Amino acid sequence: MQQFRRSLLEAGWLDMNNANVVLDVNATRAQVTGLDDPYLKWDTRALLKKDPSAEISILVVHAPDPYEDAFKEGYDLLVAGHTHG
């Protein structure tokens, strides 16, 4: 698994696992925060701090559990890939 991850990173993949970045996308400052699996308590919720310079903030997370924290912080969009129904 580590070799696969290393290959992705070498190819330019941005690892958003418990990470927070601000990107300039078409003259718009976008904050993207990625969290690991909250169900297994692998997520770092301290990263849920909205950057005041960002015009849009997006949370990408394994499961939607931290939606209330993201809402309180003012995130604009939460995308979760694993919901178990």
PDB file of N, CA and C in Angstrom:
ATOM      1  N   MET A   1       0.818  -1.191   0.000  1.00  0.00           N
ATOM      2  CA  MET A   1       0.000   0.000   0.000  1.00  0.00           C
ATOM      3  C   MET A   1       0.865   1.259   0.000  1.00  0.00           C
ATOM      4  N   GLN A   2       1.937   1.266   0.773  1.00  0.00           N
ATOM      5  CA  GLN A   2       2.805   2.443   0.823  1.00  0.00           C
ATOM      6  C   GLN A   2       3.454   2.712  -0.525  1.00  0.00           C
ATOM      7  N   GLN A   3       3.789   1.672  -1.259  1.00  0.00           N
ATOM      8  CA  GLN A   3       4.389   1.853  -2.588  1.00  0.00           C
ATOM      9  C   GLN A   3       3.367   2.495  -3.534  1.00  0.00           C
ATOM     10  N   PHE A   4       2.114   2.067  -3.466  1.00  0.00           N
ATOM     11  CA  PHE A   4       1.059   2.639  -4.288  1.00  0.00           C
ATOM     12  C   PHE A   4       0.884   4.126  -3.971  1.00  0.00           C
ATOM     13  N   ARG A   5       0.822   4.465  -2.679  1.00  0.00           N
ATOM     14  CA  ARG A   5       0.687   5.861  -2.256  1.00  0.00           C
ATOM     15  C   ARG A   5       1.881   6.685  -2.732  1.00  0.00           C
ATOM     16  N   ARG A   6       3.072   6.140  -2.576  1.00  0.00           N
ATOM     17  CA  ARG A   6       4.291   6.838  -3.018  1.00  0.00           C
ATOM     18  C   ARG A   6       4.238   7.113  -4.523  1.00  0.00           C
ATOM     19  N   SER A   7       3.762   6.139  -5.284  1.00  0.00           N
ATOM     20  CA  SER A   7       3.639   6.309  -6.736  1.00  0.00           C
ATOM     21  C   SER A   7       2.663   7.427  -7.087  1.00  0.00           C
ATOM     22  N   LEU A   8       1.550   7.478  -6.371  1.00  0.00           N
ATOM     23  CA  LEU A   8       0.571   8.542  -6.604  1.00  0.00           C
ATOM     24  C   LEU A   8       1.170   9.911  -6.297  1.00  0.00           C
ATOM     25  N   LEU A   9       1.871  10.030  -5.170  1.00  0.00           N
ATOM     26  CA  LEU A   9       2.502  11.300  -4.800  1.00  0.00           C
ATOM     27  C   LEU A   9       3.532  11.729  -5.833  1.00  0.00           C
ATOM     28  N   GLU A  10       4.324  10.796  -6.312  1.00  0.00           N
ATOM     29  CA  GLU A  10       5.336  11.104  -7.331  1.00  0.00           C
ATOM     30  C   GLU A  10       4.694  11.553  -8.633  1.00  0.00           C
ATOM     31  N   ALA A  11       3.469  11.097  -8.895  1.00  0.00           N
ATOM     32  CA  ALA A  11       2.756  11.473 -10.116  1.00  0.00           C
ATOM     33  C   ALA A  11       2.023  12.804  -9.979  1.00  0.00           C
ATOM     34  N   GLY A  12       2.115  13.435  -8.777  1.00  0.00           N
ATOM     35  CA  GLY A  12       1.480  14.734  -8.597  1.00  0.00           C
ATOM     36  C   GLY A  12       0.194  14.730  -7.806  1.00  0.00           C
ATOM     37  N   TRP A  13      -0.195  13.584  -7.286  1.00  0.00           N
ATOM     38  CA  TRP A  13      -1.398  13.474  -6.473  1.00  0.00           C
ATOM     39  C   TRP A  13      -1.231  14.281  -5.198  1.00  0.00           C
ATOM     40  N   LEU A  14      -2.245  15.014  -4.808  1.00  0.00           N
ATOM     41  CA  LEU A  14      -2.231  15.800  -3.586  1.00  0.00           C
ATOM     42  C   LEU A  14      -2.941  14.999  -2.492  1.00  0.00           C
ATOM     43  N   ASP A  15      -2.198  14.577  -1.495  1.00  0.00           N
ATOM     44  CA  ASP A  15      -2.758  13.778  -0.403  1.00  0.00           C
ATOM     45  C   ASP A  15      -3.519  14.694   0.548  1.00  0.00           C
ATOM     46  N   MET A  16      -4.825  14.575   0.579  1.00  0.00           N
ATOM     47  CA  MET A  16      -5.672  15.420   1.420  1.00  0.00           C
ATOM     48  C   MET A  16      -6.128  14.693   2.675  1.00  0.00           C
ATOM     49  N   ASN A  17      -5.409  13.669   3.059  1.00  0.00           N
ATOM     50  CA  ASN A  17      -5.751  12.913   4.251  1.00  0.00           C
ATOM     51  C   ASN A  17      -5.295  13.691   5.485  1.00  0.00           C
ATOM     52  N   ASN A  18      -6.267  14.254   6.221  1.00  0.00           N
ATOM     53  CA  ASN A  18      -5.984  15.136   7.354  1.00  0.00           C
ATOM     54  C   ASN A  18      -5.054  16.270   6.933  1.00  0.00           C
ATOM     55  N   ALA A  19      -5.514  17.007   5.937  1.00  0.00           N
ATOM     56  CA  ALA A  19      -4.726  18.121   5.400  1.00  0.00           C
ATOM     57  C   ALA A  19      -5.652  19.295   5.103  1.00  0.00           C
ATOM     58  N   ASN A  20      -5.053  20.463   5.030  1.00  0.00           N
ATOM     59  CA  ASN A  20      -5.789  21.692   4.782  1.00  0.00           C
ATOM     60  C   ASN A  20      -4.961  22.547   3.828  1.00  0.00           C
ATOM     61  N   VAL A  21      -5.536  22.918   2.671  1.00  0.00           N
ATOM     62  CA  VAL A  21      -4.823  23.754   1.704  1.00  0.00           C
ATOM     63  C   VAL A  21      -5.739  24.867   1.210  1.00  0.00           C
ATOM     64  N   VAL A  22      -5.121  25.954   0.789  1.00  0.00           N
ATOM     65  CA  VAL A  22      -5.853  27.029   0.121  1.00  0.00           C
ATOM     66  C   VAL A  22      -5.258  27.139  -1.273  1.00  0.00           C
ATOM     67  N   LEU A  23      -6.138  27.050  -2.269  1.00  0.00           N
ATOM     68  CA  LEU A  23      -5.729  27.070  -3.671  1.00  0.00           C
ATOM     69  C   LEU A  23      -6.349  28.268  -4.375  1.00  0.00           C
ATOM     70  N   ASP A  24      -5.659  28.768  -5.377  1.00  0.00           N
ATOM     71  CA  ASP A  24      -6.248  29.784  -6.247  1.00  0.00           C
ATOM     72  C   ASP A  24      -6.751  29.081  -7.499  1.00  0.00           C
ATOM     73  N   VAL A  25      -8.067  29.099  -7.682  1.00  0.00           N
ATOM     74  CA  VAL A  25      -8.699  28.419  -8.806  1.00  0.00           C
ATOM     75  C   VAL A  25      -9.464  29.454  -9.617  1.00  0.00           C
ATOM     76  N   ASN A  26      -8.982  29.764 -10.797  1.00  0.00           N
ATOM     77  CA  ASN A  26      -9.636  30.753 -11.658  1.00  0.00           C
ATOM     78  C   ASN A  26      -9.914  32.044 -10.896  1.00  0.00           C
ATOM     79  N   ALA A  27      -8.900  32.556 -10.216  1.00  0.00           N
ATOM     80  CA  ALA A  27      -8.970  33.812  -9.473  1.00  0.00           C
ATOM     81  C   ALA A  27      -9.902  33.747  -8.258  1.00  0.00           C
ATOM     82  N   THR A  28     -10.200  32.563  -7.793  1.00  0.00           N
ATOM     83  CA  THR A  28     -11.010  32.371  -6.593  1.00  0.00           C
ATOM     84  C   THR A  28     -10.188  31.595  -5.577  1.00  0.00           C
ATOM     85  N   ARG A  29     -10.112  32.116  -4.359  1.00  0.00           N
ATOM     86  CA  ARG A  29      -9.396  31.398  -3.290  1.00  0.00           C
ATOM     87  C   ARG A  29     -10.328  30.344  -2.707  1.00  0.00           C
ATOM     88  N   ALA A  30      -9.882  29.104  -2.812  1.00  0.00           N
ATOM     89  CA  ALA A  30     -10.684  27.977  -2.341  1.00  0.00           C
ATOM     90  C   ALA A  30      -9.911  27.212  -1.276  1.00  0.00           C
ATOM     91  N   GLN A  31     -10.543  27.024  -0.145  1.00  0.00           N
ATOM     92  CA  GLN A  31      -9.958  26.206   0.914  1.00  0.00           C
ATOM     93  C   GLN A  31     -10.506  24.800   0.774  1.00  0.00           C
ATOM     94  N   VAL A  32      -9.626  23.827   0.796  1.00  0.00           N
ATOM     95  CA  VAL A  32     -10.030  22.427   0.761  1.00  0.00           C
ATOM     96  C   VAL A  32      -9.418  21.747   1.975  1.00  0.00           C
ATOM     97  N   THR A  33     -10.282  21.165   2.785  1.00  0.00           N
ATOM     98  CA  THR A  33      -9.843  20.426   3.961  1.00  0.00           C
ATOM     99  C   THR A  33     -10.232  18.971   3.752  1.00  0.00           C
ATOM    100  N   GLY A  34      -9.299  18.090   3.981  1.00  0.00           N
ATOM    101  CA  GLY A  34      -9.562  16.657   3.873  1.00  0.00           C
ATOM    102  C   GLY A  34      -9.394  15.993   5.222  1.00  0.00           C
ATOM    103  N   LEU A  35     -10.348  15.154   5.597  1.00  0.00           N
ATOM    104  CA  LEU A  35     -10.261  14.423   6.860  1.00  0.00           C
ATOM    105  C   LEU A  35     -10.323  12.930   6.604  1.00  0.00           C
ATOM    106  N   ASP A  36      -9.617  12.183   7.430  1.00  0.00           N
ATOM    107  CA  ASP A  36      -9.644  10.728   7.374  1.00  0.00           C
ATOM    108  C   ASP A  36     -10.945  10.212   7.999  1.00  0.00           C
ATOM    109  N   ASP A  37     -11.038   8.944   8.209  1.00  0.00           N
ATOM    110  CA  ASP A  37     -12.256   8.273   8.647  1.00  0.00           C
ATOM    111  C   ASP A  37     -12.661   8.667  10.072  1.00  0.00           C
ATOM    112  N   PRO A  38     -13.761   9.419  10.232  1.00  0.00           N
ATOM    113  CA  PRO A  38     -14.203   9.805  11.573  1.00  0.00           C
ATOM    114  C   PRO A  38     -14.765   8.625  12.373  1.00  0.00           C
ATOM    115  N   TYR A  39     -15.286   7.625  11.691  1.00  0.00           N
ATOM    116  CA  TYR A  39     -15.846   6.465  12.376  1.00  0.00           C
ATOM    117  C   TYR A  39     -14.764   5.740  13.181  1.00  0.00           C
ATOM    118  N   LEU A  40     -13.569   5.656  12.600  1.00  0.00           N
ATOM    119  CA  LEU A  40     -12.440   5.012  13.273  1.00  0.00           C
ATOM    120  C   LEU A  40     -11.634   5.999  14.117  1.00  0.00           C
ATOM    121  N   LYS A  41     -12.112   7.234  14.164  1.00  0.00           N
ATOM    122  CA  LYS A  41     -11.455   8.318  14.911  1.00  0.00           C
ATOM    123  C   LYS A  41     -10.045   8.604  14.383  1.00  0.00           C
ATOM    124  N   TRP A  42      -9.895   8.506  13.068  1.00  0.00           N
ATOM    125  CA  TRP A  42      -8.628   8.824  12.405  1.00  0.00           C
ATOM    126  C   TRP A  42      -8.631  10.258  11.887  1.00  0.00           C
ATOM    127  N   ASP A  43      -9.746  10.964  12.031  1.00  0.00           N
ATOM    128  CA  ASP A  43      -9.842  12.339  11.529  1.00  0.00           C
ATOM    129  C   ASP A  43      -9.239  13.318  12.535  1.00  0.00           C
ATOM    130  N   THR A  44      -8.720  14.408  12.008  1.00  0.00           N
ATOM    131  CA  THR A  44      -8.139  15.472  12.829  1.00  0.00           C
ATOM    132  C   THR A  44      -9.061  16.679  12.717  1.00  0.00           C
ATOM    133  N   ARG A  45     -10.065  16.752  13.571  1.00  0.00           N
ATOM    134  CA  ARG A  45     -11.073  17.811  13.466  1.00  0.00           C
ATOM    135  C   ARG A  45     -10.536  19.192  13.795  1.00  0.00           C
ATOM    136  N   ALA A  46      -9.377  19.267  14.418  1.00  0.00           N
ATOM    137  CA  ALA A  46      -8.759  20.575  14.684  1.00  0.00           C
ATOM    138  C   ALA A  46      -8.469  21.311  13.372  1.00  0.00           C
ATOM    139  N   LEU A  47      -8.434  20.589  12.263  1.00  0.00           N
ATOM    140  CA  LEU A  47      -8.218  21.215  10.953  1.00  0.00           C
ATOM    141  C   LEU A  47      -9.442  21.977  10.461  1.00  0.00           C
ATOM    142  N   LEU A  48     -10.590  21.792  11.102  1.00  0.00           N
ATOM    143  CA  LEU A  48     -11.822  22.451  10.664  1.00  0.00           C
ATOM    144  C   LEU A  48     -11.842  23.912  11.116  1.00  0.00           C
ATOM    145  N   LYS A  49     -10.963  24.682  10.575  1.00  0.00           N
ATOM    146  CA  LYS A  49     -10.898  26.123  10.813  1.00  0.00           C
ATOM    147  C   LYS A  49     -10.976  26.805   9.458  1.00  0.00           C
ATOM    148  N   LYS A  50     -12.048  27.530   9.238  1.00  0.00           N
ATOM    149  CA  LYS A  50     -12.224  28.192   7.952  1.00  0.00           C
ATOM    150  C   LYS A  50     -11.203  29.319   7.803  1.00  0.00           C
ATOM    151  N   ASP A  51     -10.535  29.328   6.671  1.00  0.00           N
ATOM    152  CA  ASP A  51      -9.563  30.366   6.353  1.00  0.00           C
ATOM    153  C   ASP A  51     -10.332  31.617   5.935  1.00  0.00           C
ATOM    154  N   PRO A  52     -10.150  32.749   6.634  1.00  0.00           N
ATOM    155  CA  PRO A  52     -10.921  33.954   6.305  1.00  0.00           C
ATOM    156  C   PRO A  52     -10.616  34.521   4.919  1.00  0.00           C
ATOM    157  N   SER A  53      -9.484  34.142   4.335  1.00  0.00           N
ATOM    158  CA  SER A  53      -9.151  34.640   2.999  1.00  0.00           C
ATOM    159  C   SER A  53      -9.822  33.821   1.893  1.00  0.00           C
ATOM    160  N   ALA A  54     -10.403  32.674   2.251  1.00  0.00           N
ATOM    161  CA  ALA A  54     -11.017  31.803   1.244  1.00  0.00           C
ATOM    162  C   ALA A  54     -12.432  32.261   0.911  1.00  0.00           C
ATOM    163  N   GLU A  55     -12.728  32.288  -0.375  1.00  0.00           N
ATOM    164  CA  GLU A  55     -14.069  32.659  -0.832  1.00  0.00           C
ATOM    165  C   GLU A  55     -15.030  31.477  -0.784  1.00  0.00           C
ATOM    166  N   ILE A  56     -14.478  30.275  -0.823  1.00  0.00           N
ATOM    167  CA  ILE A  56     -15.283  29.058  -0.707  1.00  0.00           C
ATOM    168  C   ILE A  56     -14.467  28.053   0.099  1.00  0.00           C
ATOM    169  N   SER A  57     -15.155  27.291   0.928  1.00  0.00           N
ATOM    170  CA  SER A  57     -14.471  26.271   1.726  1.00  0.00           C
ATOM    171  C   SER A  57     -15.178  24.934   1.540  1.00  0.00           C
ATOM    172  N   ILE A  58     -14.375  23.912   1.277  1.00  0.00           N
ATOM    173  CA  ILE A  58     -14.890  22.584   0.961  1.00  0.00           C
ATOM    174  C   ILE A  58     -14.247  21.573   1.907  1.00  0.00           C
ATOM    175  N   LEU A  59     -15.062  20.727   2.485  1.00  0.00           N
ATOM    176  CA  LEU A  59     -14.568  19.644   3.318  1.00  0.00           C
ATOM    177  C   LEU A  59     -14.785  18.335   2.567  1.00  0.00           C
ATOM    178  N   VAL A  60     -13.717  17.578   2.413  1.00  0.00           N
ATOM    179  CA  VAL A  60     -13.769  16.251   1.804  1.00  0.00           C
ATOM    180  C   VAL A  60     -13.432  15.265   2.912  1.00  0.00           C
ATOM    181  N   VAL A  61     -14.359  14.350   3.182  1.00  0.00           N
ATOM    182  CA  VAL A  61     -14.185  13.461   4.324  1.00  0.00           C
ATOM    183  C   VAL A  61     -14.705  12.066   3.986  1.00  0.00           C
ATOM    184  N   HIS A  62     -14.126  11.078   4.628  1.00  0.00           N
ATOM    185  CA  HIS A  62     -14.493   9.690   4.374  1.00  0.00           C
ATOM    186  C   HIS A  62     -15.985   9.434   4.649  1.00  0.00           C
ATOM    187  N   ALA A  63     -16.473   9.930   5.772  1.00  0.00           N
ATOM    188  CA  ALA A  63     -17.877   9.769   6.153  1.00  0.00           C
ATOM    189  C   ALA A  63     -18.394  11.122   6.638  1.00  0.00           C
ATOM    190  N   PRO A  64     -19.704  11.369   6.559  1.00  0.00           N
ATOM    191  CA  PRO A  64     -20.234  12.705   6.845  1.00  0.00           C
ATOM    192  C   PRO A  64     -20.328  13.083   8.323  1.00  0.00           C
ATOM    193  N   ASP A  65     -19.820  12.286   9.221  1.00  0.00           N
ATOM    194  CA  ASP A  65     -19.975  12.522  10.661  1.00  0.00           C
ATOM    195  C   ASP A  65     -19.662  13.944  11.129  1.00  0.00           C
ATOM    196  N   PRO A  66     -18.609  14.612  10.626  1.00  0.00           N
ATOM    197  CA  PRO A  66     -18.289  15.945  11.161  1.00  0.00           C
ATOM    198  C   PRO A  66     -19.103  17.083  10.546  1.00  0.00           C
ATOM    199  N   TYR A  67     -20.262  16.770   9.967  1.00  0.00           N
ATOM    200  CA  TYR A  67     -21.030  17.813   9.284  1.00  0.00           C
ATOM    201  C   TYR A  67     -21.425  18.963  10.210  1.00  0.00           C
ATOM    202  N   GLU A  68     -21.770  18.662  11.460  1.00  0.00           N
ATOM    203  CA  GLU A  68     -22.162  19.742  12.381  1.00  0.00           C
ATOM    204  C   GLU A  68     -20.989  20.670  12.685  1.00  0.00           C
ATOM    205  N   ASP A  69     -19.804  20.094  12.896  1.00  0.00           N
ATOM    206  CA  ASP A  69     -18.611  20.912  13.142  1.00  0.00           C
ATOM    207  C   ASP A  69     -18.285  21.773  11.926  1.00  0.00           C
ATOM    208  N   ALA A  70     -18.412  21.191  10.746  1.00  0.00           N
ATOM    209  CA  ALA A  70     -18.130  21.937   9.513  1.00  0.00           C
ATOM    210  C   ALA A  70     -19.136  23.068   9.331  1.00  0.00           C
ATOM    211  N   PHE A  71     -20.399  22.802   9.622  1.00  0.00           N
ATOM    212  CA  PHE A  71     -21.438  23.829   9.506  1.00  0.00           C
ATOM    213  C   PHE A  71     -21.160  24.982  10.469  1.00  0.00           C
ATOM    214  N   LYS A  72     -20.836  24.648  11.724  1.00  0.00           N
ATOM    215  CA  LYS A  72     -20.544  25.685  12.727  1.00  0.00           C
ATOM    216  C   LYS A  72     -19.367  26.550  12.317  1.00  0.00           C
ATOM    217  N   GLU A  73     -18.388  25.941  11.655  1.00  0.00           N
ATOM    218  CA  GLU A  73     -17.190  26.676  11.243  1.00  0.00           C
ATOM    219  C   GLU A  73     -17.449  27.506   9.983  1.00  0.00           C
ATOM    220  N   GLY A  74     -18.536  27.213   9.268  1.00  0.00           N
ATOM    221  CA  GLY A  74     -18.894  28.009   8.102  1.00  0.00           C
ATOM    222  C   GLY A  74     -18.472  27.419   6.766  1.00  0.00           C
ATOM    223  N   TYR A  75     -18.190  26.127   6.724  1.00  0.00           N
ATOM    224  CA  TYR A  75     -17.835  25.497   5.449  1.00  0.00           C
ATOM    225  C   TYR A  75     -19.017  25.572   4.491  1.00  0.00           C
ATOM    226  N   ASP A  76     -18.720  25.722   3.217  1.00  0.00           N
ATOM    227  CA  ASP A  76     -19.754  25.867   2.199  1.00  0.00           C
ATOM    228  C   ASP A  76     -20.240  24.528   1.644  1.00  0.00           C
ATOM    229  N   LEU A  77     -19.359  23.528   1.638  1.00  0.00           N
ATOM    230  CA  LEU A  77     -19.702  22.247   1.020  1.00  0.00           C
ATOM    231  C   LEU A  77     -18.977  21.123   1.732  1.00  0.00           C
ATOM    232  N   LEU A  78     -19.683  20.028   1.994  1.00  0.00           N
ATOM    233  CA  LEU A  78     -19.080  18.811   2.536  1.00  0.00           C
ATOM    234  C   LEU A  78     -19.320  17.701   1.530  1.00  0.00           C
ATOM    235  N   VAL A  79     -18.254  17.008   1.164  1.00  0.00           N
ATOM    236  CA  VAL A  79     -18.359  15.877   0.245  1.00  0.00           C
ATOM    237  C   VAL A  79     -17.870  14.649   0.997  1.00  0.00           C
ATOM    238  N   ALA A  80     -18.745  13.639   1.111  1.00  0.00           N
ATOM    239  CA  ALA A  80     -18.391  12.389   1.805  1.00  0.00           C
ATOM    240  C   ALA A  80     -18.573  11.247   0.839  1.00  0.00           C
ATOM    241  N   GLY A  81     -17.645  10.314   0.879  1.00  0.00           N
ATOM    242  CA  GLY A  81     -17.691   9.208  -0.059  1.00  0.00           C
ATOM    243  C   GLY A  81     -18.207   7.915   0.506  1.00  0.00           C
ATOM    244  N   HIS A  82     -18.395   7.823   1.814  1.00  0.00           N
ATOM    245  CA  HIS A  82     -18.736   6.539   2.420  1.00  0.00           C
ATOM    246  C   HIS A  82     -19.774   6.800   3.504  1.00  0.00           C
ATOM    247  N   THR A  83     -21.009   6.494   3.225  1.00  0.00           N
ATOM    248  CA  THR A  83     -22.070   6.886   4.152  1.00  0.00           C
ATOM    249  C   THR A  83     -22.750   5.717   4.868  1.00  0.00           C
ATOM    250  N   HIS A  84     -22.560   4.502   4.418  1.00  0.00           N
ATOM    251  CA  HIS A  84     -23.245   3.332   5.007  1.00  0.00           C
ATOM    252  C   HIS A  84     -24.751   3.551   5.128  1.00  0.00           C
ATOM    253  N   GLY A  85     -25.335   4.114   4.082  1.00  0.00           N
ATOM    254  CA  GLY A  85     -26.776   4.289   4.046  1.00  0.00           C
ATOM    255  C   GLY A  85     -27.232   5.513   4.729  1.00  0.00           C
TER     256      GLY A  85
END
